[in-house]
Amino acid sequence: MTRTQLQLPDSLYGQAKSYADYREISMAEVFRNAIEMYMRVHVVDGFVLTPKVKWQPPVCRSTGLKRDPFTDENWREKLYLEPEREGVIA
């Protein structure tokens, strides 16, 4: 076996630790199982599966606003002080 080191967010580490304690297994076993499952889903015959279509961010639909309300640095204050202004969501 090869020894390795991981850096995890505290919340993910906590979840993994709780799971390991519940199942009475080591953290190493939790990570080995997780990586094996990931590899079964994303790797076939030694090749990493990639989507056939390159991911694109979703297209933003029209909000109906006449201008971007966030261009003003005080937009939060003005949003609550003047809810009836033209082109700003109330």
PDB file of N, CA and C in Angstrom:
ATOM      1  N   MET A   1       0.826  -1.183   0.000  1.00  0.00           N
ATOM      2  CA  MET A   1       0.000   0.000   0.000  1.00  0.00           C
ATOM      3  C   MET A   1       0.871   1.247   0.000  1.00  0.00           C
ATOM      4  N   THR A   2       0.308   2.310  -0.565  1.00  0.00           N
ATOM      5  CA  THR A   2       0.970   3.597  -0.590  1.00  0.00           C
ATOM      6  C   THR A   2       0.332   4.503   0.451  1.00  0.00           C
ATOM      7  N   ARG A   3       1.161   5.193   1.163  1.00  0.00           N
ATOM      8  CA  ARG A   3       0.666   6.137   2.171  1.00  0.00           C
ATOM      9  C   ARG A   3       0.455   7.488   1.497  1.00  0.00           C
ATOM     10  N   THR A   4      -0.634   8.159   1.836  1.00  0.00           N
ATOM     11  CA  THR A   4      -0.923   9.469   1.254  1.00  0.00           C
ATOM     12  C   THR A   4      -1.510  10.382   2.318  1.00  0.00           C
ATOM     13  N   GLN A   5      -1.645  11.636   1.972  1.00  0.00           N
ATOM     14  CA  GLN A   5      -2.167  12.622   2.901  1.00  0.00           C
ATOM     15  C   GLN A   5      -3.281  13.396   2.203  1.00  0.00           C
ATOM     16  N   LEU A   6      -4.375  13.672   2.919  1.00  0.00           N
ATOM     17  CA  LEU A   6      -5.503  14.406   2.364  1.00  0.00           C
ATOM     18  C   LEU A   6      -5.778  15.654   3.187  1.00  0.00           C
ATOM     19  N   GLN A   7      -6.242  16.672   2.526  1.00  0.00           N
ATOM     20  CA  GLN A   7      -6.731  17.857   3.235  1.00  0.00           C
ATOM     21  C   GLN A   7      -8.215  17.940   2.956  1.00  0.00           C
ATOM     22  N   LEU A   8      -9.019  17.983   4.026  1.00  0.00           N
ATOM     23  CA  LEU A   8     -10.472  17.982   3.904  1.00  0.00           C
ATOM     24  C   LEU A   8     -11.064  19.164   4.652  1.00  0.00           C
ATOM     25  N   PRO A   9     -12.199  19.658   4.179  1.00  0.00           N
ATOM     26  CA  PRO A   9     -12.914  20.648   4.977  1.00  0.00           C
ATOM     27  C   PRO A   9     -13.327  20.009   6.305  1.00  0.00           C
ATOM     28  N   ASP A  10     -13.389  20.808   7.353  1.00  0.00           N
ATOM     29  CA  ASP A  10     -13.725  20.278   8.677  1.00  0.00           C
ATOM     30  C   ASP A  10     -15.060  19.535   8.676  1.00  0.00           C
ATOM     31  N   SER A  11     -16.043  20.062   7.959  1.00  0.00           N
ATOM     32  CA  SER A  11     -17.362  19.425   7.955  1.00  0.00           C
ATOM     33  C   SER A  11     -17.312  18.042   7.317  1.00  0.00           C
ATOM     34  N   LEU A  12     -16.563  17.893   6.206  1.00  0.00           N
ATOM     35  CA  LEU A  12     -16.447  16.600   5.544  1.00  0.00           C
ATOM     36  C   LEU A  12     -15.688  15.614   6.421  1.00  0.00           C
ATOM     37  N   TYR A  13     -14.626  16.099   7.064  1.00  0.00           N
ATOM     38  CA  TYR A  13     -13.877  15.246   7.976  1.00  0.00           C
ATOM     39  C   TYR A  13     -14.780  14.756   9.110  1.00  0.00           C
ATOM     40  N   GLY A  14     -15.576  15.667   9.666  1.00  0.00           N
ATOM     41  CA  GLY A  14     -16.482  15.302  10.751  1.00  0.00           C
ATOM     42  C   GLY A  14     -17.484  14.248  10.339  1.00  0.00           C
ATOM     43  N   GLN A  15     -18.029  14.385   9.130  1.00  0.00           N
ATOM     44  CA  GLN A  15     -18.978  13.392   8.622  1.00  0.00           C
ATOM     45  C   GLN A  15     -18.306  12.035   8.453  1.00  0.00           C
ATOM     46  N   ALA A  16     -17.102  12.046   7.877  1.00  0.00           N
ATOM     47  CA  ALA A  16     -16.380  10.788   7.673  1.00  0.00           C
ATOM     48  C   ALA A  16     -16.024  10.149   9.009  1.00  0.00           C
ATOM     49  N   LYS A  17     -15.606  10.943   9.967  1.00  0.00           N
ATOM     50  CA  LYS A  17     -15.243  10.431  11.295  1.00  0.00           C
ATOM     51  C   LYS A  17     -16.461   9.822  11.982  1.00  0.00           C
ATOM     52  N   SER A  18     -17.591  10.504  11.912  1.00  0.00           N
ATOM     53  CA  SER A  18     -18.819   9.980  12.515  1.00  0.00           C
ATOM     54  C   SER A  18     -19.217   8.657  11.872  1.00  0.00           C
ATOM     55  N   TYR A  19     -19.109   8.589  10.550  1.00  0.00           N
ATOM     56  CA  TYR A  19     -19.438   7.354   9.835  1.00  0.00           C
ATOM     57  C   TYR A  19     -18.503   6.222  10.237  1.00  0.00           C
ATOM     58  N   ALA A  20     -17.206   6.524  10.307  1.00  0.00           N
ATOM     59  CA  ALA A  20     -16.231   5.500  10.695  1.00  0.00           C
ATOM     60  C   ALA A  20     -16.514   5.000  12.113  1.00  0.00           C
ATOM     61  N   ASP A  21     -16.800   5.909  13.018  1.00  0.00           N
ATOM     62  CA  ASP A  21     -17.117   5.506  14.393  1.00  0.00           C
ATOM     63  C   ASP A  21     -18.372   4.649  14.445  1.00  0.00           C
ATOM     64  N   TYR A  22     -19.393   5.043  13.697  1.00  0.00           N
ATOM     65  CA  TYR A  22     -20.651   4.301  13.677  1.00  0.00           C
ATOM     66  C   TYR A  22     -20.456   2.890  13.143  1.00  0.00           C
ATOM     67  N   ARG A  23     -19.686   2.786  12.034  1.00  0.00           N
ATOM     68  CA  ARG A  23     -19.444   1.477  11.410  1.00  0.00           C
ATOM     69  C   ARG A  23     -18.322   0.692  12.082  1.00  0.00           C
ATOM     70  N   GLU A  24     -17.621   1.348  13.028  1.00  0.00           N
ATOM     71  CA  GLU A  24     -16.486   0.752  13.730  1.00  0.00           C
ATOM     72  C   GLU A  24     -15.396   0.309  12.754  1.00  0.00           C
ATOM     73  N   ILE A  25     -15.063   1.226  11.835  1.00  0.00           N
ATOM     74  CA  ILE A  25     -13.982   0.992  10.885  1.00  0.00           C
ATOM     75  C   ILE A  25     -13.042   2.187  10.937  1.00  0.00           C
ATOM     76  N   SER A  26     -11.879   2.023  10.339  1.00  0.00           N
ATOM     77  CA  SER A  26     -10.898   3.107  10.351  1.00  0.00           C
ATOM     78  C   SER A  26     -11.258   4.171   9.316  1.00  0.00           C
ATOM     79  N   MET A  27     -10.710   5.354   9.528  1.00  0.00           N
ATOM     80  CA  MET A  27     -10.887   6.424   8.550  1.00  0.00           C
ATOM     81  C   MET A  27     -10.289   6.013   7.210  1.00  0.00           C
ATOM     82  N   ALA A  28      -9.167   5.311   7.243  1.00  0.00           N
ATOM     83  CA  ALA A  28      -8.539   4.852   6.005  1.00  0.00           C
ATOM     84  C   ALA A  28      -9.500   3.970   5.214  1.00  0.00           C
ATOM     85  N   GLU A  29     -10.227   3.109   5.902  1.00  0.00           N
ATOM     86  CA  GLU A  29     -11.188   2.235   5.233  1.00  0.00           C
ATOM     87  C   GLU A  29     -12.332   3.047   4.620  1.00  0.00           C
ATOM     88  N   VAL A  30     -12.783   4.076   5.312  1.00  0.00           N
ATOM     89  CA  VAL A  30     -13.828   4.944   4.764  1.00  0.00           C
ATOM     90  C   VAL A  30     -13.343   5.564   3.463  1.00  0.00           C
ATOM     91  N   PHE A  31     -12.123   6.098   3.455  1.00  0.00           N
ATOM     92  CA  PHE A  31     -11.610   6.750   2.254  1.00  0.00           C
ATOM     93  C   PHE A  31     -11.330   5.749   1.134  1.00  0.00           C
ATOM     94  N   ARG A  32     -10.805   4.583   1.466  1.00  0.00           N
ATOM     95  CA  ARG A  32     -10.589   3.564   0.429  1.00  0.00           C
ATOM     96  C   ARG A  32     -11.907   3.181  -0.222  1.00  0.00           C
ATOM     97  N   ASN A  33     -12.939   2.958   0.593  1.00  0.00           N
ATOM     98  CA  ASN A  33     -14.247   2.579   0.047  1.00  0.00           C
ATOM     99  C   ASN A  33     -14.820   3.689  -0.832  1.00  0.00           C
ATOM    100  N   ALA A  34     -14.682   4.936  -0.379  1.00  0.00           N
ATOM    101  CA  ALA A  34     -15.212   6.065  -1.150  1.00  0.00           C
ATOM    102  C   ALA A  34     -14.496   6.190  -2.492  1.00  0.00           C
ATOM    103  N   ILE A  35     -13.182   6.042  -2.493  1.00  0.00           N
ATOM    104  CA  ILE A  35     -12.418   6.165  -3.738  1.00  0.00           C
ATOM    105  C   ILE A  35     -12.735   5.010  -4.677  1.00  0.00           C
ATOM    106  N   GLU A  36     -12.866   3.799  -4.140  1.00  0.00           N
ATOM    107  CA  GLU A  36     -13.226   2.653  -4.976  1.00  0.00           C
ATOM    108  C   GLU A  36     -14.592   2.865  -5.635  1.00  0.00           C
ATOM    109  N   MET A  37     -15.569   3.378  -4.869  1.00  0.00           N
ATOM    110  CA  MET A  37     -16.895   3.628  -5.425  1.00  0.00           C
ATOM    111  C   MET A  37     -16.818   4.705  -6.507  1.00  0.00           C
ATOM    112  N   TYR A  38     -16.077   5.762  -6.251  1.00  0.00           N
ATOM    113  CA  TYR A  38     -15.917   6.837  -7.229  1.00  0.00           C
ATOM    114  C   TYR A  38     -15.297   6.296  -8.515  1.00  0.00           C
ATOM    115  N   MET A  39     -14.284   5.471  -8.382  1.00  0.00           N
ATOM    116  CA  MET A  39     -13.603   4.936  -9.560  1.00  0.00           C
ATOM    117  C   MET A  39     -14.515   3.999 -10.351  1.00  0.00           C
ATOM    118  N   ARG A  40     -15.380   3.246  -9.672  1.00  0.00           N
ATOM    119  CA  ARG A  40     -16.320   2.374 -10.384  1.00  0.00           C
ATOM    120  C   ARG A  40     -17.287   3.199 -11.229  1.00  0.00           C
ATOM    121  N   VAL A  41     -17.652   4.376 -10.752  1.00  0.00           N
ATOM    122  CA  VAL A  41     -18.605   5.216 -11.467  1.00  0.00           C
ATOM    123  C   VAL A  41     -17.934   5.990 -12.596  1.00  0.00           C
ATOM    124  N   HIS A  42     -16.708   6.468 -12.381  1.00  0.00           N
ATOM    125  CA  HIS A  42     -16.089   7.404 -13.319  1.00  0.00           C
ATOM    126  C   HIS A  42     -14.978   6.821 -14.189  1.00  0.00           C
ATOM    127  N   VAL A  43     -14.597   5.577 -13.987  1.00  0.00           N
ATOM    128  CA  VAL A  43     -13.516   4.998 -14.783  1.00  0.00           C
ATOM    129  C   VAL A  43     -13.974   3.668 -15.369  1.00  0.00           C
ATOM    130  N   VAL A  44     -13.765   3.477 -16.681  1.00  0.00           N
ATOM    131  CA  VAL A  44     -14.101   2.227 -17.348  1.00  0.00           C
ATOM    132  C   VAL A  44     -12.873   1.750 -18.108  1.00  0.00           C
ATOM    133  N   ASP A  45     -12.439   0.526 -17.852  1.00  0.00           N
ATOM    134  CA  ASP A  45     -11.275  -0.067 -18.533  1.00  0.00           C
ATOM    135  C   ASP A  45     -10.052   0.840 -18.489  1.00  0.00           C
ATOM    136  N   GLY A  46      -9.832   1.497 -17.369  1.00  0.00           N
ATOM    137  CA  GLY A  46      -8.661   2.336 -17.190  1.00  0.00           C
ATOM    138  C   GLY A  46      -8.794   3.742 -17.746  1.00  0.00           C
ATOM    139  N   PHE A  47      -9.919   4.058 -18.366  1.00  0.00           N
ATOM    140  CA  PHE A  47     -10.108   5.379 -18.949  1.00  0.00           C
ATOM    141  C   PHE A  47     -11.106   6.168 -18.113  1.00  0.00           C
ATOM    142  N   VAL A  48     -10.762   7.404 -17.854  1.00  0.00           N
ATOM    143  CA  VAL A  48     -11.657   8.276 -17.108  1.00  0.00           C
ATOM    144  C   VAL A  48     -12.792   8.689 -18.031  1.00  0.00           C
ATOM    145  N   LEU A  49     -14.026   8.519 -17.549  1.00  0.00           N
ATOM    146  CA  LEU A  49     -15.182   8.909 -18.342  1.00  0.00           C
ATOM    147  C   LEU A  49     -15.310  10.426 -18.350  1.00  0.00           C
ATOM    148  N   THR A  50     -15.505  10.974 -19.518  1.00  0.00           N
ATOM    149  CA  THR A  50     -15.715  12.411 -19.640  1.00  0.00           C
ATOM    150  C   THR A  50     -17.034  12.637 -20.358  1.00  0.00           C
ATOM    151  N   PRO A  51     -17.712  13.701 -20.043  1.00  0.00           N
ATOM    152  CA  PRO A  51     -18.970  13.970 -20.738  1.00  0.00           C
ATOM    153  C   PRO A  51     -18.734  14.187 -22.223  1.00  0.00           C
ATOM    154  N   LYS A  52     -19.685  13.757 -23.055  1.00  0.00           N
ATOM    155  CA  LYS A  52     -19.557  13.938 -24.501  1.00  0.00           C
ATOM    156  C   LYS A  52     -19.695  15.400 -24.894  1.00  0.00           C
ATOM    157  N   VAL A  53     -20.441  16.151 -24.113  1.00  0.00           N
ATOM    158  CA  VAL A  53     -20.643  17.567 -24.386  1.00  0.00           C
ATOM    159  C   VAL A  53     -19.958  18.363 -23.296  1.00  0.00           C
ATOM    160  N   LYS A  54     -19.171  19.339 -23.693  1.00  0.00           N
ATOM    161  CA  LYS A  54     -18.500  20.189 -22.721  1.00  0.00           C
ATOM    162  C   LYS A  54     -19.536  20.970 -21.932  1.00  0.00           C
ATOM    163  N   TRP A  55     -19.389  21.005 -20.606  1.00  0.00           N
ATOM    164  CA  TRP A  55     -20.328  21.713 -19.758  1.00  0.00           C
ATOM    165  C   TRP A  55     -20.291  23.200 -20.042  1.00  0.00           C
ATOM    166  N   GLN A  56     -21.454  23.783 -20.095  1.00  0.00           N
ATOM    167  CA  GLN A  56     -21.600  25.223 -20.278  1.00  0.00           C
ATOM    168  C   GLN A  56     -22.478  25.748 -19.150  1.00  0.00           C
ATOM    169  N   PRO A  57     -22.204  26.943 -18.650  1.00  0.00           N
ATOM    170  CA  PRO A  57     -23.085  27.495 -17.623  1.00  0.00           C
ATOM    171  C   PRO A  57     -24.464  27.750 -18.217  1.00  0.00           C
ATOM    172  N   PRO A  58     -25.494  27.695 -17.383  1.00  0.00           N
ATOM    173  CA  PRO A  58     -26.836  27.941 -17.913  1.00  0.00           C
ATOM    174  C   PRO A  58     -26.978  29.366 -18.436  1.00  0.00           C
ATOM    175  N   VAL A  59     -27.823  29.521 -19.414  1.00  0.00           N
ATOM    176  CA  VAL A  59     -28.069  30.834 -19.999  1.00  0.00           C
ATOM    177  C   VAL A  59     -29.018  31.583 -19.074  1.00  0.00           C
ATOM    178  N   CYS A  60     -28.675  32.803 -18.774  1.00  0.00           N
ATOM    179  CA  CYS A  60     -29.498  33.634 -17.896  1.00  0.00           C
ATOM    180  C   CYS A  60     -30.706  34.136 -18.669  1.00  0.00           C
ATOM    181  N   ARG A  61     -31.867  33.872 -18.127  1.00  0.00           N
ATOM    182  CA  ARG A  61     -33.067  34.376 -18.783  1.00  0.00           C
ATOM    183  C   ARG A  61     -33.284  35.836 -18.388  1.00  0.00           C
ATOM    184  N   SER A  62     -34.074  36.523 -19.150  1.00  0.00           N
ATOM    185  CA  SER A  62     -34.316  37.942 -18.898  1.00  0.00           C
ATOM    186  C   SER A  62     -35.064  38.126 -17.586  1.00  0.00           C
ATOM    187  N   THR A  63     -34.609  39.075 -16.799  1.00  0.00           N
ATOM    188  CA  THR A  63     -35.273  39.392 -15.535  1.00  0.00           C
ATOM    189  C   THR A  63     -36.282  40.509 -15.702  1.00  0.00           C
ATOM    190  N   GLY A  64     -36.272  41.150 -16.848  1.00  0.00           N
ATOM    191  CA  GLY A  64     -37.181  42.264 -17.092  1.00  0.00           C
ATOM    192  C   GLY A  64     -36.687  43.586 -16.530  1.00  0.00           C
ATOM    193  N   LEU A  65     -35.521  43.588 -15.910  1.00  0.00           N
ATOM    194  CA  LEU A  65     -34.976  44.820 -15.351  1.00  0.00           C
ATOM    195  C   LEU A  65     -34.400  45.682 -16.466  1.00  0.00           C
ATOM    196  N   LYS A  66     -34.511  46.968 -16.320  1.00  0.00           N
ATOM    197  CA  LYS A  66     -33.982  47.894 -17.323  1.00  0.00           C
ATOM    198  C   LYS A  66     -32.500  48.158 -17.115  1.00  0.00           C
ATOM    199  N   ARG A  67     -32.023  47.934 -15.878  1.00  0.00           N
ATOM    200  CA  ARG A  67     -30.602  48.118 -15.597  1.00  0.00           C
ATOM    201  C   ARG A  67     -30.211  47.170 -14.466  1.00  0.00           C
ATOM    202  N   ASP A  68     -28.936  46.981 -14.307  1.00  0.00           N
ATOM    203  CA  ASP A  68     -28.418  46.102 -13.257  1.00  0.00           C
ATOM    204  C   ASP A  68     -28.461  46.830 -11.920  1.00  0.00           C
ATOM    205  N   PRO A  69     -29.270  46.366 -10.953  1.00  0.00           N
ATOM    206  CA  PRO A  69     -29.371  47.075  -9.680  1.00  0.00           C
ATOM    207  C   PRO A  69     -28.117  46.948  -8.821  1.00  0.00           C
ATOM    208  N   PHE A  70     -27.222  46.040  -9.154  1.00  0.00           N
ATOM    209  CA  PHE A  70     -26.043  45.798  -8.323  1.00  0.00           C
ATOM    210  C   PHE A  70     -24.836  46.641  -8.713  1.00  0.00           C
ATOM    211  N   THR A  71     -24.987  47.491  -9.738  1.00  0.00           N
ATOM    212  CA  THR A  71     -23.874  48.361 -10.124  1.00  0.00           C
ATOM    213  C   THR A  71     -23.656  49.471  -9.105  1.00  0.00           C
ATOM    214  N   ASP A  72     -24.683  49.807  -8.346  1.00  0.00           N
ATOM    215  CA  ASP A  72     -24.577  50.821  -7.302  1.00  0.00           C
ATOM    216  C   ASP A  72     -24.048  50.156  -6.037  1.00  0.00           C
ATOM    217  N   GLU A  73     -22.968  50.694  -5.459  1.00  0.00           N
ATOM    218  CA  GLU A  73     -22.359  50.064  -4.279  1.00  0.00           C
ATOM    219  C   GLU A  73     -23.284  50.083  -3.055  1.00  0.00           C
ATOM    220  N   ASN A  74     -24.275  50.936  -3.041  1.00  0.00           N
ATOM    221  CA  ASN A  74     -25.232  51.008  -1.926  1.00  0.00           C
ATOM    222  C   ASN A  74     -26.554  50.332  -2.269  1.00  0.00           C
ATOM    223  N   TRP A  75     -26.509  49.318  -3.123  1.00  0.00           N
ATOM    224  CA  TRP A  75     -27.743  48.706  -3.604  1.00  0.00           C
ATOM    225  C   TRP A  75     -28.566  48.083  -2.483  1.00  0.00           C
ATOM    226  N   ARG A  76     -27.936  47.555  -1.449  1.00  0.00           N
ATOM    227  CA  ARG A  76     -28.702  46.944  -0.359  1.00  0.00           C
ATOM    228  C   ARG A  76     -29.561  47.977   0.365  1.00  0.00           C
ATOM    229  N   GLU A  77     -28.951  49.115   0.694  1.00  0.00           N
ATOM    230  CA  GLU A  77     -29.685  50.180   1.380  1.00  0.00           C
ATOM    231  C   GLU A  77     -30.824  50.697   0.515  1.00  0.00           C
ATOM    232  N   LYS A  78     -30.542  50.955  -0.742  1.00  0.00           N
ATOM    233  CA  LYS A  78     -31.543  51.529  -1.629  1.00  0.00           C
ATOM    234  C   LYS A  78     -32.668  50.540  -1.926  1.00  0.00           C
ATOM    235  N   LEU A  79     -32.357  49.271  -1.892  1.00  0.00           N
ATOM    236  CA  LEU A  79     -33.378  48.263  -2.153  1.00  0.00           C
ATOM    237  C   LEU A  79     -34.474  48.326  -1.103  1.00  0.00           C
ATOM    238  N   TYR A  80     -34.082  48.535   0.154  1.00  0.00           N
ATOM    239  CA  TYR A  80     -35.061  48.579   1.235  1.00  0.00           C
ATOM    240  C   TYR A  80     -35.659  49.977   1.440  1.00  0.00           C
ATOM    241  N   LEU A  81     -34.926  51.000   1.116  1.00  0.00           N
ATOM    242  CA  LEU A  81     -35.427  52.362   1.312  1.00  0.00           C
ATOM    243  C   LEU A  81     -36.373  52.801   0.208  1.00  0.00           C
ATOM    244  N   GLU A  82     -36.141  52.336  -1.012  1.00  0.00           N
ATOM    245  CA  GLU A  82     -36.946  52.776  -2.159  1.00  0.00           C
ATOM    246  C   GLU A  82     -37.439  51.556  -2.945  1.00  0.00           C
ATOM    247  N   PRO A  83     -38.368  50.780  -2.404  1.00  0.00           N
ATOM    248  CA  PRO A  83     -38.792  49.561  -3.081  1.00  0.00           C
ATOM    249  C   PRO A  83     -39.577  49.790  -4.366  1.00  0.00           C
ATOM    250  N   GLU A  84     -40.074  50.970  -4.604  1.00  0.00           N
ATOM    251  CA  GLU A  84     -40.883  51.229  -5.775  1.00  0.00           C
ATOM    252  C   GLU A  84     -40.101  51.776  -6.959  1.00  0.00           C
ATOM    253  N   ARG A  85     -38.769  51.853  -6.838  1.00  0.00           N
ATOM    254  CA  ARG A  85     -37.971  52.410  -7.928  1.00  0.00           C
ATOM    255  C   ARG A  85     -38.128  51.576  -9.189  1.00  0.00           C
ATOM    256  N   GLU A  86     -38.075  52.228 -10.317  1.00  0.00           N
ATOM    257  CA  GLU A  86     -38.226  51.558 -11.600  1.00  0.00           C
ATOM    258  C   GLU A  86     -37.044  50.617 -11.854  1.00  0.00           C
ATOM    259  N   GLY A  87     -37.346  49.403 -12.245  1.00  0.00           N
ATOM    260  CA  GLY A  87     -36.320  48.465 -12.640  1.00  0.00           C
ATOM    261  C   GLY A  87     -35.652  47.737 -11.499  1.00  0.00           C
ATOM    262  N   VAL A  88     -36.121  47.876 -10.268  1.00  0.00           N
ATOM    263  CA  VAL A  88     -35.503  47.195  -9.137  1.00  0.00           C
ATOM    264  C   VAL A  88     -36.532  46.287  -8.507  1.00  0.00           C
ATOM    265  N   ILE A  89     -36.127  45.072  -8.252  1.00  0.00           N
ATOM    266  CA  ILE A  89     -37.026  44.094  -7.635  1.00  0.00           C
ATOM    267  C   ILE A  89     -37.301  44.488  -6.194  1.00  0.00           C
ATOM    268  N   ALA A  90     -38.540  44.476  -5.796  1.00  0.00           N
ATOM    269  CA  ALA A  90     -38.906  44.815  -4.426  1.00  0.00           C
ATOM    270  C   ALA A  90     -39.119  43.566  -3.604  1.00  0.00           C
TER     271      ALA A  90
END
